[in-house]
Amino acid sequence: MSFSVSSPGSGGSCSFVLNADTLNVSSPAVTTATIVNSTLTNANQEYSFTLPANTQRFTLRLRTPGVLKLSYVVGTSGTNYMTIPPGSSLSEDGLATTGSYVLYVQSPQSGAVVELVSWA
């Protein structure tokens, strides 16, 4: 497989050739999906979600209209966070199959409902 990339207006281009025999695109099979729906009762309060053991991927979003703030470090969901805009979701794939992951979220709207699905 090959493809090329060019930059408009620069006159330059670059070609790549991929050898499918050396690519490792397989991932462990997932057998269990876990869905969590949780209400963030208080606005601007941090809530934590611990993903199940051996989680390989997850998707996170708000069911209700509003913004969701996400952090991976306790105590930072209000200061150092990623914003998930209304109507959007965040998905992470290719997680290590060992260890545990904790997500820290908050919303400026009280009563926001978080939807989280994880696959292990």
PDB file of N, CA and C in Angstrom:
ATOM      1  N   MET A   1       0.856  -1.160   0.000  1.00  0.00           N
ATOM      2  CA  MET A   1       0.000   0.000   0.000  1.00  0.00           C
ATOM      3  C   MET A   1       0.902   1.222   0.000  1.00  0.00           C
ATOM      4  N   SER A   2       0.557   2.203  -0.812  1.00  0.00           N
ATOM      5  CA  SER A   2       1.326   3.441  -0.819  1.00  0.00           C
ATOM      6  C   SER A   2       0.369   4.621  -0.890  1.00  0.00           C
ATOM      7  N   PHE A   3       0.843   5.754  -0.432  1.00  0.00           N
ATOM      8  CA  PHE A   3       0.066   6.977  -0.530  1.00  0.00           C
ATOM      9  C   PHE A   3       1.032   8.140  -0.555  1.00  0.00           C
ATOM     10  N   SER A   4       0.549   9.296  -0.995  1.00  0.00           N
ATOM     11  CA  SER A   4       1.398  10.478  -1.028  1.00  0.00           C
ATOM     12  C   SER A   4       0.703  11.629  -0.332  1.00  0.00           C
ATOM     13  N   VAL A   5       1.503  12.529   0.171  1.00  0.00           N
ATOM     14  CA  VAL A   5       1.012  13.712   0.872  1.00  0.00           C
ATOM     15  C   VAL A   5       1.648  14.923   0.214  1.00  0.00           C
ATOM     16  N   SER A   6       0.847  15.934  -0.069  1.00  0.00           N
ATOM     17  CA  SER A   6       1.400  17.171  -0.611  1.00  0.00           C
ATOM     18  C   SER A   6       0.806  18.351   0.134  1.00  0.00           C
ATOM     19  N   SER A   7       1.545  19.410   0.174  1.00  0.00           N
ATOM     20  CA  SER A   7       1.106  20.627   0.848  1.00  0.00           C
ATOM     21  C   SER A   7       0.694  21.638  -0.208  1.00  0.00           C
ATOM     22  N   PRO A   8      -0.551  22.151  -0.155  1.00  0.00           N
ATOM     23  CA  PRO A   8      -1.014  23.102  -1.166  1.00  0.00           C
ATOM     24  C   PRO A   8      -0.116  24.332  -1.222  1.00  0.00           C
ATOM     25  N   GLY A   9       0.257  24.709  -2.433  1.00  0.00           N
ATOM     26  CA  GLY A   9       1.032  25.928  -2.623  1.00  0.00           C
ATOM     27  C   GLY A   9       2.520  25.778  -2.396  1.00  0.00           C
ATOM     28  N   SER A  10       2.973  24.656  -1.841  1.00  0.00           N
ATOM     29  CA  SER A  10       4.397  24.522  -1.559  1.00  0.00           C
ATOM     30  C   SER A  10       5.139  23.865  -2.708  1.00  0.00           C
ATOM     31  N   GLY A  11       4.409  23.165  -3.564  1.00  0.00           N
ATOM     32  CA  GLY A  11       5.052  22.483  -4.676  1.00  0.00           C
ATOM     33  C   GLY A  11       5.763  21.212  -4.260  1.00  0.00           C
ATOM     34  N   GLY A  12       5.780  20.896  -2.981  1.00  0.00           N
ATOM     35  CA  GLY A  12       6.466  19.701  -2.508  1.00  0.00           C
ATOM     36  C   GLY A  12       5.494  18.586  -2.206  1.00  0.00           C
ATOM     37  N   SER A  13       5.977  17.383  -2.277  1.00  0.00           N
ATOM     38  CA  SER A  13       5.165  16.238  -1.905  1.00  0.00           C
ATOM     39  C   SER A  13       6.072  15.166  -1.331  1.00  0.00           C
ATOM     40  N   CYS A  14       5.460  14.210  -0.688  1.00  0.00           N
ATOM     41  CA  CYS A  14       6.198  13.129  -0.046  1.00  0.00           C
ATOM     42  C   CYS A  14       5.404  11.852  -0.257  1.00  0.00           C
ATOM     43  N   SER A  15       6.066  10.767  -0.580  1.00  0.00           N
ATOM     44  CA  SER A  15       5.393   9.487  -0.782  1.00  0.00           C
ATOM     45  C   SER A  15       5.806   8.505   0.295  1.00  0.00           C
ATOM     46  N   PHE A  16       4.853   7.644   0.686  1.00  0.00           N
ATOM     47  CA  PHE A  16       5.098   6.630   1.695  1.00  0.00           C
ATOM     48  C   PHE A  16       4.679   5.285   1.145  1.00  0.00           C
ATOM     49  N   VAL A  17       5.395   4.252   1.514  1.00  0.00           N
ATOM     50  CA  VAL A  17       5.019   2.892   1.159  1.00  0.00           C
ATOM     51  C   VAL A  17       4.908   2.107   2.450  1.00  0.00           C
ATOM     52  N   LEU A  18       3.775   1.465   2.669  1.00  0.00           N
ATOM     53  CA  LEU A  18       3.560   0.658   3.863  1.00  0.00           C
ATOM     54  C   LEU A  18       3.606  -0.808   3.485  1.00  0.00           C
ATOM     55  N   ASN A  19       4.313  -1.582   4.257  1.00  0.00           N
ATOM     56  CA  ASN A  19       4.375  -3.017   4.052  1.00  0.00           C
ATOM     57  C   ASN A  19       3.393  -3.657   5.013  1.00  0.00           C
ATOM     58  N   ALA A  20       2.302  -4.181   4.488  1.00  0.00           N
ATOM     59  CA  ALA A  20       1.245  -4.746   5.333  1.00  0.00           C
ATOM     60  C   ALA A  20       1.744  -5.926   6.159  1.00  0.00           C
ATOM     61  N   ASP A  21       2.798  -6.597   5.719  1.00  0.00           N
ATOM     62  CA  ASP A  21       3.325  -7.739   6.470  1.00  0.00           C
ATOM     63  C   ASP A  21       3.961  -7.322   7.791  1.00  0.00           C
ATOM     64  N   THR A  22       4.406  -6.061   7.884  1.00  0.00           N
ATOM     65  CA  THR A  22       5.080  -5.620   9.111  1.00  0.00           C
ATOM     66  C   THR A  22       4.185  -4.794  10.012  1.00  0.00           C
ATOM     67  N   LEU A  23       2.978  -4.485   9.563  1.00  0.00           N
ATOM     68  CA  LEU A  23       2.059  -3.716  10.398  1.00  0.00           C
ATOM     69  C   LEU A  23       1.342  -4.637  11.369  1.00  0.00           C
ATOM     70  N   ASN A  24       1.239  -4.211  12.604  1.00  0.00           N
ATOM     71  CA  ASN A  24       0.481  -4.967  13.598  1.00  0.00           C
ATOM     72  C   ASN A  24      -0.754  -4.150  13.927  1.00  0.00           C
ATOM     73  N   VAL A  25      -1.874  -4.511  13.330  1.00  0.00           N
ATOM     74  CA  VAL A  25      -3.091  -3.744  13.543  1.00  0.00           C
ATOM     75  C   VAL A  25      -4.134  -4.530  14.322  1.00  0.00           C
ATOM     76  N   SER A  26      -3.733  -5.663  14.865  1.00  0.00           N
ATOM     77  CA  SER A  26      -4.685  -6.457  15.627  1.00  0.00           C
ATOM     78  C   SER A  26      -4.772  -5.933  17.053  1.00  0.00           C
ATOM     79  N   SER A  27      -5.891  -6.147  17.671  1.00  0.00           N
ATOM     80  CA  SER A  27      -6.063  -5.781  19.065  1.00  0.00           C
ATOM     81  C   SER A  27      -6.773  -6.932  19.759  1.00  0.00           C
ATOM     82  N   PRO A  28      -6.588  -7.055  21.060  1.00  0.00           N
ATOM     83  CA  PRO A  28      -7.257  -8.142  21.778  1.00  0.00           C
ATOM     84  C   PRO A  28      -8.767  -8.045  21.628  1.00  0.00           C
ATOM     85  N   ALA A  29      -9.407  -9.180  21.564  1.00  0.00           N
ATOM     86  CA  ALA A  29     -10.867  -9.206  21.429  1.00  0.00           C
ATOM     87  C   ALA A  29     -11.509  -8.689  22.707  1.00  0.00           C
ATOM     88  N   VAL A  30     -12.536  -7.895  22.541  1.00  0.00           N
ATOM     89  CA  VAL A  30     -13.296  -7.433  23.693  1.00  0.00           C
ATOM     90  C   VAL A  30     -14.516  -8.327  23.847  1.00  0.00           C
ATOM     91  N   THR A  31     -14.846  -8.645  25.079  1.00  0.00           N
ATOM     92  CA  THR A  31     -15.952  -9.566  25.330  1.00  0.00           C
ATOM     93  C   THR A  31     -17.035  -8.972  26.212  1.00  0.00           C
ATOM     94  N   THR A  32     -16.730  -7.872  26.899  1.00  0.00           N
ATOM     95  CA  THR A  32     -17.690  -7.319  27.846  1.00  0.00           C
ATOM     96  C   THR A  32     -17.843  -5.823  27.654  1.00  0.00           C
ATOM     97  N   ALA A  33     -19.075  -5.384  27.479  1.00  0.00           N
ATOM     98  CA  ALA A  33     -19.371  -3.950  27.437  1.00  0.00           C
ATOM     99  C   ALA A  33     -20.058  -3.571  28.747  1.00  0.00           C
ATOM    100  N   THR A  34     -19.640  -2.466  29.327  1.00  0.00           N
ATOM    101  CA  THR A  34     -20.238  -1.968  30.561  1.00  0.00           C
ATOM    102  C   THR A  34     -20.749  -0.562  30.307  1.00  0.00           C
ATOM    103  N   ILE A  35     -22.024  -0.329  30.604  1.00  0.00           N
ATOM    104  CA  ILE A  35     -22.626   0.984  30.427  1.00  0.00           C
ATOM    105  C   ILE A  35     -22.947   1.571  31.798  1.00  0.00           C
ATOM    106  N   VAL A  36     -22.537   2.821  31.995  1.00  0.00           N
ATOM    107  CA  VAL A  36     -22.826   3.537  33.235  1.00  0.00           C
ATOM    108  C   VAL A  36     -23.536   4.832  32.868  1.00  0.00           C
ATOM    109  N   ASN A  37     -24.667   5.094  33.503  1.00  0.00           N
ATOM    110  CA  ASN A  37     -25.377   6.365  33.393  1.00  0.00           C
ATOM    111  C   ASN A  37     -25.396   6.960  34.800  1.00  0.00           C
ATOM    112  N   SER A  38     -24.871   8.163  34.935  1.00  0.00           N
ATOM    113  CA  SER A  38     -24.756   8.759  36.256  1.00  0.00           C
ATOM    114  C   SER A  38     -25.100  10.241  36.210  1.00  0.00           C
ATOM    115  N   THR A  39     -25.863  10.694  37.174  1.00  0.00           N
ATOM    116  CA  THR A  39     -26.245  12.101  37.257  1.00  0.00           C
ATOM    117  C   THR A  39     -25.224  12.866  38.090  1.00  0.00           C
ATOM    118  N   LEU A  40     -24.717  13.951  37.513  1.00  0.00           N
ATOM    119  CA  LEU A  40     -23.830  14.852  38.248  1.00  0.00           C
ATOM    120  C   LEU A  40     -24.738  15.842  38.970  1.00  0.00           C
ATOM    121  N   THR A  41     -25.075  15.521  40.190  1.00  0.00           N
ATOM    122  CA  THR A  41     -26.073  16.269  40.948  1.00  0.00           C
ATOM    123  C   THR A  41     -25.720  17.739  41.087  1.00  0.00           C
ATOM    124  N   ASN A  42     -24.467  18.020  41.419  1.00  0.00           N
ATOM    125  CA  ASN A  42     -24.054  19.405  41.680  1.00  0.00           C
ATOM    126  C   ASN A  42     -23.225  19.965  40.532  1.00  0.00           C
ATOM    127  N   ALA A  43     -23.501  21.203  40.169  1.00  0.00           N
ATOM    128  CA  ALA A  43     -22.697  21.890  39.153  1.00  0.00           C
ATOM    129  C   ALA A  43     -21.296  22.147  39.694  1.00  0.00           C
ATOM    130  N   ASN A  44     -20.301  22.063  38.804  1.00  0.00           N
ATOM    131  CA  ASN A  44     -18.905  22.396  39.127  1.00  0.00           C
ATOM    132  C   ASN A  44     -18.335  21.581  40.277  1.00  0.00           C
ATOM    133  N   GLN A  45     -18.795  20.361  40.424  1.00  0.00           N
ATOM    134  CA  GLN A  45     -18.230  19.430  41.416  1.00  0.00           C
ATOM    135  C   GLN A  45     -17.619  18.266  40.655  1.00  0.00           C
ATOM    136  N   GLU A  46     -16.441  17.837  41.094  1.00  0.00           N
ATOM    137  CA  GLU A  46     -15.753  16.731  40.423  1.00  0.00           C
ATOM    138  C   GLU A  46     -16.349  15.386  40.832  1.00  0.00           C
ATOM    139  N   TYR A  47     -16.580  14.546  39.835  1.00  0.00           N
ATOM    140  CA  TYR A  47     -17.054  13.176  40.039  1.00  0.00           C
ATOM    141  C   TYR A  47     -16.048  12.250  39.374  1.00  0.00           C
ATOM    142  N   SER A  48     -15.845  11.079  39.960  1.00  0.00           N
ATOM    143  CA  SER A  48     -14.887  10.135  39.387  1.00  0.00           C
ATOM    144  C   SER A  48     -15.598   8.888  38.872  1.00  0.00           C
ATOM    145  N   PHE A  49     -15.038   8.335  37.809  1.00  0.00           N
ATOM    146  CA  PHE A  49     -15.528   7.093  37.217  1.00  0.00           C
ATOM    147  C   PHE A  49     -14.328   6.170  37.035  1.00  0.00           C
ATOM    148  N   THR A  50     -14.370   5.029  37.700  1.00  0.00           N
ATOM    149  CA  THR A  50     -13.312   4.042  37.552  1.00  0.00           C
ATOM    150  C   THR A  50     -13.734   3.038  36.497  1.00  0.00           C
ATOM    151  N   LEU A  51     -12.913   2.908  35.464  1.00  0.00           N
ATOM    152  CA  LEU A  51     -13.220   1.957  34.407  1.00  0.00           C
ATOM    153  C   LEU A  51     -12.965   0.536  34.904  1.00  0.00           C
ATOM    154  N   PRO A  52     -13.737  -0.433  34.423  1.00  0.00           N
ATOM    155  CA  PRO A  52     -13.537  -1.825  34.847  1.00  0.00           C
ATOM    156  C   PRO A  52     -12.126  -2.321  34.500  1.00  0.00           C
ATOM    157  N   ALA A  53     -11.676  -3.312  35.230  1.00  0.00           N
ATOM    158  CA  ALA A  53     -10.364  -3.913  34.970  1.00  0.00           C
ATOM    159  C   ALA A  53     -10.292  -4.386  33.527  1.00  0.00           C
ATOM    160  N   ASN A  54      -9.143  -4.247  32.932  1.00  0.00           N
ATOM    161  CA  ASN A  54      -8.853  -4.691  31.566  1.00  0.00           C
ATOM    162  C   ASN A  54      -9.604  -3.918  30.489  1.00  0.00           C
ATOM    163  N   THR A  55     -10.063  -2.705  30.804  1.00  0.00           N
ATOM    164  CA  THR A  55     -10.734  -1.885  29.792  1.00  0.00           C
ATOM    165  C   THR A  55      -9.763  -1.588  28.661  1.00  0.00           C
ATOM    166  N   GLN A  56     -10.229  -1.801  27.438  1.00  0.00           N
ATOM    167  CA  GLN A  56      -9.409  -1.538  26.260  1.00  0.00           C
ATOM    168  C   GLN A  56      -9.837  -0.275  25.526  1.00  0.00           C
ATOM    169  N   ARG A  57     -11.121   0.105  25.670  1.00  0.00           N
ATOM    170  CA  ARG A  57     -11.596   1.336  25.056  1.00  0.00           C
ATOM    171  C   ARG A  57     -12.841   1.828  25.787  1.00  0.00           C
ATOM    172  N   PHE A  58     -13.115   3.125  25.621  1.00  0.00           N
ATOM    173  CA  PHE A  58     -14.324   3.692  26.227  1.00  0.00           C
ATOM    174  C   PHE A  58     -14.811   4.872  25.399  1.00  0.00           C
ATOM    175  N   THR A  59     -16.088   5.205  25.607  1.00  0.00           N
ATOM    176  CA  THR A  59     -16.700   6.395  25.023  1.00  0.00           C
ATOM    177  C   THR A  59     -17.464   7.103  26.139  1.00  0.00           C
ATOM    178  N   LEU A  60     -17.327   8.422  26.193  1.00  0.00           N
ATOM    179  CA  LEU A  60     -17.912   9.235  27.250  1.00  0.00           C
ATOM    180  C   LEU A  60     -18.642  10.411  26.617  1.00  0.00           C
ATOM    181  N   ARG A  61     -19.852  10.705  27.113  1.00  0.00           N
ATOM    182  CA  ARG A  61     -20.597  11.865  26.631  1.00  0.00           C
ATOM    183  C   ARG A  61     -21.665  12.256  27.635  1.00  0.00           C
ATOM    184  N   LEU A  62     -22.259  13.427  27.409  1.00  0.00           N
ATOM    185  CA  LEU A  62     -23.394  13.864  28.207  1.00  0.00           C
ATOM    186  C   LEU A  62     -24.683  13.507  27.470  1.00  0.00           C
ATOM    187  N   ARG A  63     -25.646  12.980  28.185  1.00  0.00           N
ATOM    188  CA  ARG A  63     -26.972  12.722  27.619  1.00  0.00           C
ATOM    189  C   ARG A  63     -27.766  14.022  27.547  1.00  0.00           C
ATOM    190  N   THR A  64     -27.573  14.853  28.542  1.00  0.00           N
ATOM    191  CA  THR A  64     -28.288  16.116  28.625  1.00  0.00           C
ATOM    192  C   THR A  64     -27.479  17.208  27.914  1.00  0.00           C
ATOM    193  N   PRO A  65     -28.138  18.279  27.456  1.00  0.00           N
ATOM    194  CA  PRO A  65     -27.389  19.362  26.801  1.00  0.00           C
ATOM    195  C   PRO A  65     -26.414  20.009  27.781  1.00  0.00           C
ATOM    196  N   GLY A  66     -25.251  20.361  27.307  1.00  0.00           N
ATOM    197  CA  GLY A  66     -24.273  21.035  28.150  1.00  0.00           C
ATOM    198  C   GLY A  66     -22.862  20.593  27.861  1.00  0.00           C
ATOM    199  N   VAL A  67     -21.954  21.173  28.594  1.00  0.00           N
ATOM    200  CA  VAL A  67     -20.527  20.928  28.445  1.00  0.00           C
ATOM    201  C   VAL A  67     -20.073  19.932  29.499  1.00  0.00           C
ATOM    202  N   LEU A  68     -19.159  19.053  29.129  1.00  0.00           N
ATOM    203  CA  LEU A  68     -18.553  18.121  30.081  1.00  0.00           C
ATOM    204  C   LEU A  68     -17.061  18.403  30.113  1.00  0.00           C
ATOM    205  N   LYS A  69     -16.507  18.526  31.303  1.00  0.00           N
ATOM    206  CA  LYS A  69     -15.066  18.739  31.481  1.00  0.00           C
ATOM    207  C   LYS A  69     -14.459  17.428  31.948  1.00  0.00           C
ATOM    208  N   LEU A  70     -13.364  17.006  31.293  1.00  0.00           N
ATOM    209  CA  LEU A  70     -12.729  15.726  31.595  1.00  0.00           C
ATOM    210  C   LEU A  70     -11.269  15.920  31.940  1.00  0.00           C
ATOM    211  N   SER A  71     -10.836  15.223  32.977  1.00  0.00           N
ATOM    212  CA  SER A  71      -9.425  15.199  33.351  1.00  0.00           C
ATOM    213  C   SER A  71      -9.058  13.775  33.752  1.00  0.00           C
ATOM    214  N   TYR A  72      -7.771  13.489  33.714  1.00  0.00           N
ATOM    215  CA  TYR A  72      -7.281  12.168  34.115  1.00  0.00           C
ATOM    216  C   TYR A  72      -6.560  12.227  35.459  1.00  0.00           C
ATOM    217  N   VAL A  73      -6.563  13.411  36.081  1.00  0.00           N
ATOM    218  CA  VAL A  73      -5.868  13.597  37.359  1.00  0.00           C
ATOM    219  C   VAL A  73      -6.859  14.153  38.369  1.00  0.00           C
ATOM    220  N   VAL A  74      -6.937  13.542  39.536  1.00  0.00           N
ATOM    221  CA  VAL A  74      -7.869  13.977  40.574  1.00  0.00           C
ATOM    222  C   VAL A  74      -7.630  15.446  40.925  1.00  0.00           C
ATOM    223  N   GLY A  75      -8.722  16.176  41.101  1.00  0.00           N
ATOM    224  CA  GLY A  75      -8.646  17.571  41.523  1.00  0.00           C
ATOM    225  C   GLY A  75      -8.394  18.570  40.411  1.00  0.00           C
ATOM    226  N   THR A  76      -8.326  18.111  39.151  1.00  0.00           N
ATOM    227  CA  THR A  76      -7.999  19.043  38.066  1.00  0.00           C
ATOM    228  C   THR A  76      -9.114  19.200  37.033  1.00  0.00           C
ATOM    229  N   SER A  77     -10.270  18.591  37.256  1.00  0.00           N
ATOM    230  CA  SER A  77     -11.329  18.674  36.250  1.00  0.00           C
ATOM    231  C   SER A  77     -11.926  20.072  36.127  1.00  0.00           C
ATOM    232  N   GLY A  78     -11.583  20.965  37.030  1.00  0.00           N
ATOM    233  CA  GLY A  78     -12.054  22.341  36.948  1.00  0.00           C
ATOM    234  C   GLY A  78     -10.975  23.317  36.528  1.00  0.00           C
ATOM    235  N   THR A  79      -9.717  22.847  36.435  1.00  0.00           N
ATOM    236  CA  THR A  79      -8.618  23.759  36.108  1.00  0.00           C
ATOM    237  C   THR A  79      -7.786  23.306  34.912  1.00  0.00           C
ATOM    238  N   ASN A  80      -7.581  22.020  34.758  1.00  0.00           N
ATOM    239  CA  ASN A  80      -6.753  21.484  33.672  1.00  0.00           C
ATOM    240  C   ASN A  80      -7.524  20.328  33.048  1.00  0.00           C
ATOM    241  N   TYR A  81      -8.371  20.641  32.090  1.00  0.00           N
ATOM    242  CA  TYR A  81      -9.324  19.656  31.590  1.00  0.00           C
ATOM    243  C   TYR A  81      -9.476  19.764  30.080  1.00  0.00           C
ATOM    244  N   MET A  82     -10.116  18.765  29.526  1.00  0.00           N
ATOM    245  CA  MET A  82     -10.513  18.760  28.128  1.00  0.00           C
ATOM    246  C   MET A  82     -12.018  18.973  28.090  1.00  0.00           C
ATOM    247  N   THR A  83     -12.481  19.854  27.217  1.00  0.00           N
ATOM    248  CA  THR A  83     -13.910  20.128  27.105  1.00  0.00           C
ATOM    249  C   THR A  83     -14.522  19.213  26.054  1.00  0.00           C
ATOM    250  N   ILE A  84     -15.610  18.561  26.432  1.00  0.00           N
ATOM    251  CA  ILE A  84     -16.404  17.799  25.480  1.00  0.00           C
ATOM    252  C   ILE A  84     -17.647  18.640  25.226  1.00  0.00           C
ATOM    253  N   PRO A  85     -17.737  19.247  24.038  1.00  0.00           N
ATOM    254  CA  PRO A  85     -18.841  20.172  23.745  1.00  0.00           C
ATOM    255  C   PRO A  85     -20.198  19.465  23.693  1.00  0.00           C
ATOM    256  N   PRO A  86     -21.273  20.231  23.807  1.00  0.00           N
ATOM    257  CA  PRO A  86     -22.618  19.650  23.727  1.00  0.00           C
ATOM    258  C   PRO A  86     -22.794  18.836  22.441  1.00  0.00           C
ATOM    259  N   GLY A  87     -23.400  17.668  22.576  1.00  0.00           N
ATOM    260  CA  GLY A  87     -23.659  16.811  21.428  1.00  0.00           C
ATOM    261  C   GLY A  87     -22.465  16.011  20.956  1.00  0.00           C
ATOM    262  N   SER A  88     -21.327  16.128  21.621  1.00  0.00           N
ATOM    263  CA  SER A  88     -20.112  15.417  21.233  1.00  0.00           C
ATOM    264  C   SER A  88     -19.786  14.323  22.233  1.00  0.00           C
ATOM    265  N   SER A  89     -18.862  13.463  21.845  1.00  0.00           N
ATOM    266  CA  SER A  89     -18.389  12.415  22.755  1.00  0.00           C
ATOM    267  C   SER A  89     -16.889  12.298  22.624  1.00  0.00           C
ATOM    268  N   LEU A  90     -16.282  11.629  23.579  1.00  0.00           N
ATOM    269  CA  LEU A  90     -14.848  11.349  23.546  1.00  0.00           C
ATOM    270  C   LEU A  90     -14.680   9.845  23.590  1.00  0.00           C
ATOM    271  N   SER A  91     -13.865   9.327  22.692  1.00  0.00           N
ATOM    272  CA  SER A  91     -13.552   7.897  22.687  1.00  0.00           C
ATOM    273  C   SER A  91     -12.054   7.719  22.782  1.00  0.00           C
ATOM    274  N   GLU A  92     -11.640   6.773  23.587  1.00  0.00           N
ATOM    275  CA  GLU A  92     -10.232   6.397  23.711  1.00  0.00           C
ATOM    276  C   GLU A  92     -10.156   4.912  23.380  1.00  0.00           C
ATOM    277  N   ASP A  93      -9.177   4.545  22.572  1.00  0.00           N
ATOM    278  CA  ASP A  93      -9.017   3.167  22.129  1.00  0.00           C
ATOM    279  C   ASP A  93      -7.564   2.761  22.325  1.00  0.00           C
ATOM    280  N   GLY A  94      -7.321   1.477  22.383  1.00  0.00           N
ATOM    281  CA  GLY A  94      -5.957   0.980  22.490  1.00  0.00           C
ATOM    282  C   GLY A  94      -5.360   1.131  23.876  1.00  0.00           C
ATOM    283  N   LEU A  95      -6.197   1.122  24.898  1.00  0.00           N
ATOM    284  CA  LEU A  95      -5.692   1.239  26.266  1.00  0.00           C
ATOM    285  C   LEU A  95      -4.954  -0.032  26.650  1.00  0.00           C
ATOM    286  N   ALA A  96      -4.011   0.099  27.543  1.00  0.00           N
ATOM    287  CA  ALA A  96      -3.291  -1.078  28.042  1.00  0.00           C
ATOM    288  C   ALA A  96      -4.276  -2.013  28.725  1.00  0.00           C
ATOM    289  N   THR A  97      -4.061  -3.295  28.587  1.00  0.00           N
ATOM    290  CA  THR A  97      -5.008  -4.243  29.158  1.00  0.00           C
ATOM    291  C   THR A  97      -4.737  -4.542  30.624  1.00  0.00           C
ATOM    292  N   THR A  98      -3.760  -3.883  31.199  1.00  0.00           N
ATOM    293  CA  THR A  98      -3.517  -4.035  32.636  1.00  0.00           C
ATOM    294  C   THR A  98      -3.624  -2.661  33.289  1.00  0.00           C
ATOM    295  N   GLY A  99      -3.814  -2.668  34.569  1.00  0.00           N
ATOM    296  CA  GLY A  99      -3.938  -1.405  35.280  1.00  0.00           C
ATOM    297  C   GLY A  99      -5.373  -0.927  35.301  1.00  0.00           C
ATOM    298  N   SER A 100      -5.581   0.219  35.944  1.00  0.00           N
ATOM    299  CA  SER A 100      -6.929   0.769  36.023  1.00  0.00           C
ATOM    300  C   SER A 100      -6.894   2.221  35.571  1.00  0.00           C
ATOM    301  N   TYR A 101      -8.023   2.678  35.094  1.00  0.00           N
ATOM    302  CA  TYR A 101      -8.158   4.047  34.630  1.00  0.00           C
ATOM    303  C   TYR A 101      -9.291   4.709  35.394  1.00  0.00           C
ATOM    304  N   VAL A 102      -9.057   5.951  35.809  1.00  0.00           N
ATOM    305  CA  VAL A 102     -10.083   6.730  36.488  1.00  0.00           C
ATOM    306  C   VAL A 102     -10.268   8.020  35.701  1.00  0.00           C
ATOM    307  N   LEU A 103     -11.520   8.340  35.415  1.00  0.00           N
ATOM    308  CA  LEU A 103     -11.866   9.575  34.718  1.00  0.00           C
ATOM    309  C   LEU A 103     -12.472  10.531  35.734  1.00  0.00           C
ATOM    310  N   TYR A 104     -12.096  11.802  35.649  1.00  0.00           N
ATOM    311  CA  TYR A 104     -12.628  12.818  36.546  1.00  0.00           C
ATOM    312  C   TYR A 104     -13.379  13.831  35.690  1.00  0.00           C
ATOM    313  N   VAL A 105     -14.643  14.042  36.010  1.00  0.00           N
ATOM    314  CA  VAL A 105     -15.483  14.915  35.194  1.00  0.00           C
ATOM    315  C   VAL A 105     -16.263  15.887  36.062  1.00  0.00           C
ATOM    316  N   GLN A 106     -16.682  16.963  35.414  1.00  0.00           N
ATOM    317  CA  GLN A 106     -17.630  17.886  36.028  1.00  0.00           C
ATOM    318  C   GLN A 106     -18.321  18.664  34.924  1.00  0.00           C
ATOM    319  N   SER A 107     -19.444  19.266  35.290  1.00  0.00           N
ATOM    320  CA  SER A 107     -20.223  20.058  34.348  1.00  0.00           C
ATOM    321  C   SER A 107     -20.687  21.330  35.048  1.00  0.00           C
ATOM    322  N   PRO A 108     -20.751  22.439  34.315  1.00  0.00           N
ATOM    323  CA  PRO A 108     -21.270  23.657  34.922  1.00  0.00           C
ATOM    324  C   PRO A 108     -22.779  23.600  35.160  1.00  0.00           C
ATOM    325  N   GLN A 109     -23.451  22.582  34.632  1.00  0.00           N
ATOM    326  CA  GLN A 109     -24.898  22.435  34.809  1.00  0.00           C
ATOM    327  C   GLN A 109     -25.189  21.359  35.849  1.00  0.00           C
ATOM    328  N   SER A 110     -25.982  21.672  36.853  1.00  0.00           N
ATOM    329  CA  SER A 110     -26.391  20.636  37.804  1.00  0.00           C
ATOM    330  C   SER A 110     -27.373  19.691  37.116  1.00  0.00           C
ATOM    331  N   GLY A 111     -27.342  18.437  37.498  1.00  0.00           N
ATOM    332  CA  GLY A 111     -28.246  17.450  36.947  1.00  0.00           C
ATOM    333  C   GLY A 111     -27.816  16.873  35.611  1.00  0.00           C
ATOM    334  N   ALA A 112     -26.615  17.176  35.157  1.00  0.00           N
ATOM    335  CA  ALA A 112     -26.103  16.628  33.898  1.00  0.00           C
ATOM    336  C   ALA A 112     -25.987  15.109  34.026  1.00  0.00           C
ATOM    337  N   VAL A 113     -26.364  14.393  32.973  1.00  0.00           N
ATOM    338  CA  VAL A 113     -26.290  12.936  32.987  1.00  0.00           C
ATOM    339  C   VAL A 113     -25.151  12.471  32.084  1.00  0.00           C
ATOM    340  N   VAL A 114     -24.208  11.766  32.685  1.00  0.00           N
ATOM    341  CA  VAL A 114     -23.056  11.234  31.963  1.00  0.00           C
ATOM    342  C   VAL A 114     -23.378   9.820  31.486  1.00  0.00           C
ATOM    343  N   GLU A 115     -23.018   9.556  30.225  1.00  0.00           N
ATOM    344  CA  GLU A 115     -23.095   8.208  29.669  1.00  0.00           C
ATOM    345  C   GLU A 115     -21.674   7.741  29.406  1.00  0.00           C
ATOM    346  N   LEU A 116     -21.350   6.576  29.918  1.00  0.00           N
ATOM    347  CA  LEU A 116     -20.010   6.007  29.748  1.00  0.00           C
ATOM    348  C   LEU A 116     -20.167   4.552  29.344  1.00  0.00           C
ATOM    349  N   VAL A 117     -19.568   4.164  28.238  1.00  0.00           N
ATOM    350  CA  VAL A 117     -19.527   2.765  27.858  1.00  0.00           C
ATOM    351  C   VAL A 117     -18.055   2.367  27.733  1.00  0.00           C
ATOM    352  N   SER A 118     -17.729   1.232  28.318  1.00  0.00           N
ATOM    353  CA  SER A 118     -16.359   0.732  28.245  1.00  0.00           C
ATOM    354  C   SER A 118     -16.388  -0.710  27.773  1.00  0.00           C
ATOM    355  N   TRP A 119     -15.327  -1.103  27.094  1.00  0.00           N
ATOM    356  CA  TRP A 119     -15.217  -2.471  26.582  1.00  0.00           C
ATOM    357  C   TRP A 119     -13.951  -3.102  27.136  1.00  0.00           C
ATOM    358  N   ALA A 120     -14.107  -4.307  27.660  1.00  0.00           N
ATOM    359  CA  ALA A 120     -12.971  -5.061  28.206  1.00  0.00           C
ATOM    360  C   ALA A 120     -12.968  -6.455  27.610  1.00  0.00           C
TER     361      ALA A 120
END
